[in-house]
Amino acid sequence: MNELFGTLSDGTPVHRWTLERAGVRVRVLSYGGIVQSVEVPDREGRAGDVVLGFPDLDGYLAHPEPYLGALIGRYANRIAGGRFTLDGRTYALEPNNGPNSLHGGARGFDKRVWDAAPVEHGVRLTRVGPHGEEGFPGRLEVSATYTLDEGGALRIAYEAVTDAPTVVNLTNHSYFNLAGSGDAGGHELRLAASRYTPVDADLIPVGGPEDVTGTRFDFREARKTGSGYDHNFVLDKGVTDTPVEVAELHDPASGRVLTVATTEPGLQLYTADHLAGPFAPGDGIALETQHFPDSPNRPEFPTTVLRPGEVFRSETVYGFGTR
């Protein structure tokens, strides 16, 4: 189902698409590719919304920085110093996070209105990022397809092509709270990641990935998340052609379980310690499947370079259940 959700100040309409299947209801906005809500049952069969969102467009326009539910690009996470060198040429980006570029810049993909068209059990969003948008090279044609499978899992499949060498790193920035409200720090998390990337005070990676053994970054066995995380975890599986399950989040109170499968090599765990406005710190947990932060400046990391003639593909699946 497609309905008008609101209108931007320049008159551009924003639409909301509702997807329903197998007892799951997901609402997606054409503004920012935002996942506004995900309604799933608890162990007693009672439906509840398990992602943070606003009831109207004004909420998203007034509070853009949490990136609630948004499609992030052209480059998710941080690029140090707001610049990178590709094929011997240095590109300057507009810093929007101290000296660094974060989530594609001041007007990344999360603040754009996407074209939307129905597909079987879902919606396909498309847009063209012109050469030079937020400083990134290349005209980038992007699509993000949101579908519900027969079991009610939300599948997001991204594709992109470019007419000039560029860098691409896309993700969804939903904050999950499987209880439906309150502090999410009591959720139990399991991650298939034996390493993580240490960061400096600006959350830029320093050195190489380190072993999680004996540290607070070891989620290989499920435990409460607590707070204090905004870190990239190096997934043991690496880059894969098809999604592989890498994470499980469980709320003991409601019994709800979220599983995350992805083709990506990394997962940014953010425990929302800086949420503000209508939400409080710790109200949600972001599990951002992506390549590593600052990869354009770190040739030893999995590459985020996309060249003409290549097709960028990435897919993440969010499964829902109870126990």
Protein backbone atom coordinates (compact mmCIF):
# COMPACT_ATOMS: atom_id res chain seq x y z
CA MET A 1 0.00 0.00 0.00
CA ASN A 2 1.24 3.46 -0.93
CA GLU A 3 0.03 6.68 0.71
CA LEU A 4 1.08 10.33 0.97
CA PHE A 5 3.09 10.79 4.17
CA GLY A 6 3.88 14.50 3.92
CA THR A 7 5.32 17.28 1.79
CA LEU A 8 8.68 19.01 1.91
CA SER A 9 8.90 22.81 2.03
CA ASP A 10 9.56 22.92 -1.74
CA GLY A 11 6.37 20.97 -2.42
CA THR A 12 8.01 17.59 -3.03
CA PRO A 13 5.68 14.81 -1.87
CA VAL A 14 6.91 12.03 0.41
CA HIS A 15 5.15 8.67 0.24
CA ARG A 16 4.91 5.79 2.68
CA TRP A 17 4.80 2.18 1.59
CA THR A 18 3.35 -0.51 3.85
CA LEU A 19 4.56 -4.10 3.43
CA GLU A 20 2.72 -6.95 5.18
CA ARG A 21 3.46 -10.65 5.19
CA ALA A 22 3.56 -13.55 7.67
CA GLY A 23 2.39 -11.38 10.57
CA VAL A 24 5.03 -8.68 9.99
CA ARG A 25 4.21 -5.11 8.97
CA VAL A 26 6.95 -2.76 7.72
CA ARG A 27 6.56 0.87 6.69
CA VAL A 28 9.14 2.48 4.36
CA LEU A 29 9.37 6.17 3.37
CA SER A 30 10.48 7.57 0.03
CA TYR A 31 12.28 10.26 2.05
CA GLY A 32 15.68 8.89 3.00
CA GLY A 33 14.68 5.30 2.34
CA ILE A 34 13.63 5.33 5.99
CA VAL A 35 12.26 2.23 7.70
CA GLN A 36 9.68 4.03 9.81
CA SER A 37 8.29 1.03 11.67
CA VAL A 38 8.55 -2.75 11.96
CA GLU A 39 5.66 -4.42 13.78
CA VAL A 40 6.20 -8.01 14.92
CA PRO A 41 4.56 -10.20 17.58
CA ASP A 42 6.07 -11.04 20.97
CA ARG A 43 5.99 -14.52 22.50
CA GLU A 44 2.35 -13.97 23.50
CA GLY A 45 1.40 -12.94 19.96
CA ARG A 46 1.05 -9.24 20.79
CA ALA A 47 2.28 -6.97 17.99
CA GLY A 48 4.71 -4.15 18.76
CA ASP A 49 6.93 -1.73 16.85
CA VAL A 50 10.58 -2.77 17.28
CA VAL A 51 12.37 0.15 15.56
CA LEU A 52 12.60 3.79 16.60
CA GLY A 53 10.79 6.24 14.37
CA PHE A 54 8.67 9.38 14.19
CA PRO A 55 4.92 9.42 13.50
CA ASP A 56 5.19 12.20 10.90
CA LEU A 57 7.58 13.75 8.40
CA ASP A 58 8.18 16.80 10.59
CA GLY A 59 9.84 14.58 13.18
CA TYR A 60 12.45 13.37 10.71
CA LEU A 61 13.07 16.86 9.36
CA ALA A 62 13.47 18.31 12.86
CA HIS A 63 15.75 15.51 14.12
CA PRO A 64 17.95 14.37 11.20
CA GLU A 65 21.12 13.48 13.06
CA PRO A 66 20.08 10.17 14.68
CA TYR A 67 19.50 8.87 11.10
CA LEU A 68 16.51 6.90 12.41
CA GLY A 69 15.87 3.99 10.04
CA ALA A 70 17.60 5.75 7.15
CA LEU A 71 19.32 4.49 4.03
CA ILE A 72 22.91 5.70 4.47
CA GLY A 73 25.24 6.64 1.59
CA ARG A 74 27.13 7.41 -0.53
CA TYR A 75 29.53 6.33 2.21
CA ALA A 76 28.22 4.92 5.50
CA ASN A 77 30.33 5.63 8.60
CA ARG A 78 33.34 7.98 8.70
CA ILE A 79 36.03 9.09 6.28
CA ALA A 80 38.95 10.66 8.16
CA GLY A 81 39.65 14.32 7.49
CA GLY A 82 36.84 14.47 4.95
CA ARG A 83 39.14 13.41 2.13
CA PHE A 84 40.48 10.39 0.30
CA THR A 85 42.75 9.66 -2.67
CA LEU A 86 41.66 7.44 -5.55
CA ASP A 87 43.82 6.72 -8.61
CA GLY A 88 46.20 9.49 -7.59
CA ARG A 89 43.54 12.17 -7.22
CA THR A 90 42.46 13.55 -3.85
CA TYR A 91 38.78 14.27 -3.27
CA ALA A 92 37.69 16.75 -0.60
CA LEU A 93 34.36 16.06 1.09
CA GLU A 94 32.35 18.45 3.22
CA PRO A 95 33.12 17.63 6.87
CA ASN A 96 29.98 17.16 8.95
CA ASN A 97 31.36 15.31 11.98
CA GLY A 98 34.18 17.43 13.35
CA PRO A 99 36.95 17.17 10.75
CA ASN A 100 35.48 14.03 9.25
CA SER A 101 32.80 13.09 6.75
CA LEU A 102 30.00 10.98 8.27
CA HIS A 103 27.27 8.98 6.50
CA GLY A 104 27.70 10.66 3.13
CA GLY A 105 27.89 14.28 4.26
CA ALA A 106 25.48 17.00 5.27
CA ARG A 107 22.93 15.91 2.63
CA GLY A 108 23.56 12.24 2.22
CA PHE A 109 21.14 9.66 0.85
CA ASP A 110 19.18 9.86 4.11
CA LYS A 111 17.99 13.40 3.26
CA ARG A 112 16.95 12.79 -0.35
CA VAL A 113 13.59 11.85 -1.80
CA TRP A 114 13.81 8.59 -3.74
CA ASP A 115 11.68 7.41 -6.63
CA ALA A 116 9.59 4.43 -5.54
CA ALA A 117 7.91 1.61 -7.46
CA PRO A 118 6.18 -1.55 -6.28
CA VAL A 119 7.78 -4.97 -6.60
CA GLU A 120 6.43 -8.33 -5.49
CA HIS A 121 6.06 -8.20 -1.69
CA GLY A 122 7.92 -4.90 -1.48
CA VAL A 123 9.08 -1.58 -2.89
CA ARG A 124 12.12 -0.54 -4.94
CA LEU A 125 13.67 2.87 -4.33
CA THR A 126 15.95 4.48 -6.92
CA ARG A 127 17.87 7.71 -7.34
CA VAL A 128 20.85 9.13 -9.22
CA GLY A 129 23.59 10.84 -7.24
CA PRO A 130 25.26 13.33 -9.60
CA HIS A 131 29.01 13.60 -9.97
CA GLY A 132 30.34 15.82 -7.19
CA GLU A 133 27.41 15.30 -4.81
CA GLU A 134 28.83 15.98 -1.32
CA GLY A 135 32.26 15.87 -3.00
CA PHE A 136 32.11 12.26 -4.21
CA PRO A 137 33.20 11.52 -7.78
CA GLY A 138 31.07 9.77 -10.38
CA ARG A 139 27.41 9.77 -11.36
CA LEU A 140 26.00 6.98 -9.20
CA GLU A 141 22.77 5.15 -10.08
CA VAL A 142 21.50 3.46 -6.92
CA SER A 143 18.62 1.17 -6.02
CA ALA A 144 17.47 -0.26 -2.69
CA THR A 145 14.78 -2.93 -2.76
CA TYR A 146 12.85 -3.69 0.43
CA THR A 147 10.87 -6.97 0.46
CA LEU A 148 9.29 -9.32 2.98
CA ASP A 149 9.96 -13.00 2.37
CA GLU A 150 7.57 -15.86 3.08
CA GLY A 151 8.69 -16.00 6.71
CA GLY A 152 8.28 -12.26 7.29
CA ALA A 153 11.99 -11.41 7.14
CA LEU A 154 12.85 -7.93 5.86
CA ARG A 155 15.34 -8.13 3.00
CA ILE A 156 17.15 -5.00 1.76
CA ALA A 157 19.09 -5.44 -1.48
CA TYR A 158 21.28 -2.61 -2.77
CA GLU A 159 22.74 -2.13 -6.25
CA ALA A 160 24.78 0.71 -7.76
CA VAL A 161 26.70 1.54 -10.93
CA THR A 162 28.95 4.49 -11.68
CA ASP A 163 30.37 6.30 -14.70
CA ALA A 164 33.67 7.13 -12.95
CA PRO A 165 35.75 5.52 -10.19
CA THR A 166 34.21 6.23 -6.80
CA VAL A 167 33.68 4.73 -3.34
CA VAL A 168 30.41 3.23 -2.13
CA ASN A 169 29.33 1.94 1.29
CA LEU A 170 25.60 1.60 1.96
CA THR A 171 23.65 0.52 5.05
CA ASN A 172 20.39 0.86 6.91
CA HIS A 173 20.48 2.79 10.19
CA SER A 174 17.51 1.36 12.07
CA TYR A 175 17.61 1.41 15.86
CA PHE A 176 16.08 -1.78 17.26
CA ASN A 177 14.26 -2.06 20.55
CA LEU A 178 12.68 -5.49 20.71
CA ALA A 179 10.77 -4.57 23.86
CA GLY A 180 9.04 -1.76 21.98
CA SER A 181 10.10 0.94 24.44
CA GLY A 182 12.49 1.70 27.30
CA ASP A 183 16.22 1.08 27.58
CA ALA A 184 17.53 -1.58 25.19
CA GLY A 185 20.75 -2.19 27.15
CA GLY A 186 19.34 -5.40 28.59
CA HIS A 187 19.03 -7.01 25.16
CA GLU A 188 21.32 -9.98 24.64
CA LEU A 189 23.59 -9.85 21.58
CA ARG A 190 25.59 -12.50 19.80
CA LEU A 191 28.04 -11.53 17.03
CA ALA A 192 30.10 -13.83 14.81
CA ALA A 193 33.11 -11.53 15.05
CA SER A 194 36.49 -12.48 16.50
CA ARG A 195 38.01 -9.05 15.81
CA TYR A 196 37.04 -5.39 15.92
CA THR A 197 38.66 -2.14 14.76
CA PRO A 198 39.93 0.08 17.61
CA VAL A 199 39.24 3.79 17.12
CA ASP A 200 40.52 7.15 18.30
CA ALA A 201 38.50 9.87 20.02
CA ASP A 202 36.89 10.81 16.68
CA LEU A 203 35.91 7.15 16.05
CA ILE A 204 38.44 6.77 13.24
CA PRO A 205 40.15 3.35 13.09
CA VAL A 206 43.69 3.24 14.47
CA GLY A 207 46.03 0.36 13.76
CA GLY A 208 44.68 -2.94 12.49
CA PRO A 209 41.82 -5.11 13.71
CA GLU A 210 42.35 -6.61 17.16
CA ASP A 211 41.25 -9.85 18.80
CA VAL A 212 38.14 -9.51 20.98
CA THR A 213 39.23 -12.26 23.38
CA GLY A 214 39.19 -11.05 26.97
CA THR A 215 37.71 -7.66 26.07
CA ARG A 216 34.29 -6.05 26.29
CA PHE A 217 34.05 -6.47 22.52
CA ASP A 218 33.62 -10.24 22.74
CA PHE A 219 30.03 -11.05 21.79
CA ARG A 220 30.77 -14.47 20.34
CA GLU A 221 28.63 -15.84 23.17
CA ALA A 222 25.38 -13.97 23.74
CA ARG A 223 25.42 -11.38 26.53
CA LYS A 224 23.80 -8.08 27.43
CA THR A 225 24.93 -5.19 25.26
CA GLY A 226 24.98 -2.49 27.92
CA SER A 227 26.25 0.83 26.59
CA GLY A 228 29.38 2.53 25.26
CA TYR A 229 29.64 1.00 21.78
CA ASP A 230 30.06 2.74 18.44
CA HIS A 231 32.52 0.28 16.89
CA ASN A 232 33.01 -1.76 13.75
CA PHE A 233 33.18 -5.52 14.23
CA VAL A 234 35.11 -7.58 11.67
CA LEU A 235 32.76 -10.40 10.74
CA ASP A 236 34.45 -13.80 10.64
CA LYS A 237 32.81 -14.70 7.33
CA GLY A 238 34.23 -11.74 5.38
CA VAL A 239 32.59 -10.59 2.13
CA THR A 240 30.12 -13.16 0.76
CA ASP A 241 27.99 -13.42 -2.38
CA THR A 242 24.86 -14.32 -0.41
CA PRO A 243 23.76 -13.25 3.09
CA VAL A 244 25.19 -15.24 6.00
CA GLU A 245 23.80 -14.95 9.53
CA VAL A 246 26.17 -12.91 11.70
CA ALA A 247 24.13 -11.58 14.60
CA GLU A 248 21.28 -12.36 16.95
CA LEU A 249 19.59 -9.89 19.29
CA HIS A 250 17.20 -11.16 21.98
CA ASP A 251 14.92 -9.37 24.41
CA PRO A 252 14.27 -11.76 27.34
CA ALA A 253 11.19 -9.83 28.51
CA SER A 254 9.17 -9.95 25.28
CA GLY A 255 10.83 -13.05 23.86
CA ARG A 256 11.42 -11.32 20.53
CA VAL A 257 14.48 -12.33 18.54
CA LEU A 258 16.14 -10.45 15.66
CA THR A 259 18.61 -12.22 13.39
CA VAL A 260 20.85 -10.39 10.93
CA ALA A 261 22.32 -11.99 7.82
CA THR A 262 24.46 -10.03 5.36
CA THR A 263 26.93 -10.11 2.51
CA GLU A 264 28.95 -7.33 4.16
CA PRO A 265 32.31 -7.86 5.98
CA GLY A 266 31.60 -5.54 8.92
CA LEU A 267 28.92 -4.57 11.41
CA GLN A 268 28.86 -1.29 13.31
CA LEU A 269 27.38 -1.76 16.78
CA TYR A 270 26.00 1.52 18.10
CA THR A 271 24.24 1.48 21.47
CA ALA A 272 22.72 4.93 20.89
CA ASP A 273 24.51 6.63 23.78
CA HIS A 274 23.95 10.05 22.20
CA LEU A 275 20.28 9.88 21.34
CA ALA A 276 18.37 13.01 22.37
CA GLY A 277 15.14 14.85 21.73
CA PRO A 278 12.12 12.60 22.05
CA PHE A 279 14.35 9.59 22.68
CA ALA A 280 16.79 8.86 25.50
CA PRO A 281 20.31 7.42 25.29
CA GLY A 282 20.15 3.65 25.04
CA ASP A 283 16.59 3.51 23.69
CA GLY A 284 17.74 1.46 20.69
CA ILE A 285 20.57 -0.58 19.23
CA ALA A 286 21.86 -0.05 15.70
CA LEU A 287 23.40 -3.03 13.88
CA GLU A 288 24.76 -1.41 10.71
CA THR A 289 26.00 -3.97 8.18
CA GLN A 290 28.67 -2.31 6.03
CA HIS A 291 32.32 -2.12 5.00
CA PHE A 292 34.76 -0.69 7.53
CA PRO A 293 35.01 3.00 8.47
CA ASP A 294 37.65 5.01 6.62
CA SER A 295 38.26 2.22 4.10
CA PRO A 296 39.05 4.70 1.28
CA ASN A 297 42.15 5.69 3.31
CA ARG A 298 42.99 2.16 4.44
CA PRO A 299 44.03 -0.02 1.47
CA GLU A 300 44.45 -3.03 3.78
CA PHE A 301 40.69 -2.98 4.54
CA PRO A 302 38.17 -4.65 2.16
CA THR A 303 37.82 -2.26 -0.76
CA THR A 304 34.88 0.09 -1.23
CA VAL A 305 36.02 1.23 -4.69
CA LEU A 306 33.47 0.92 -7.51
CA ARG A 307 34.54 1.37 -11.12
CA PRO A 308 32.66 1.82 -14.39
CA GLY A 309 31.45 -1.52 -15.72
CA GLU A 310 31.17 -3.01 -12.23
CA VAL A 311 27.97 -3.48 -10.22
CA PHE A 312 27.92 -2.85 -6.49
CA ARG A 313 25.71 -5.39 -4.74
CA SER A 314 24.95 -5.75 -1.05
CA GLU A 315 22.17 -7.51 0.80
CA THR A 316 21.07 -7.70 4.43
CA VAL A 317 18.21 -9.75 5.88
CA TYR A 318 16.50 -8.98 9.20
CA GLY A 319 14.63 -12.02 10.50
CA PHE A 320 12.10 -11.94 13.35
CA GLY A 321 10.98 -14.62 15.78
CA THR A 322 10.42 -15.41 19.46
CA ARG A 323 11.58 -17.81 22.12
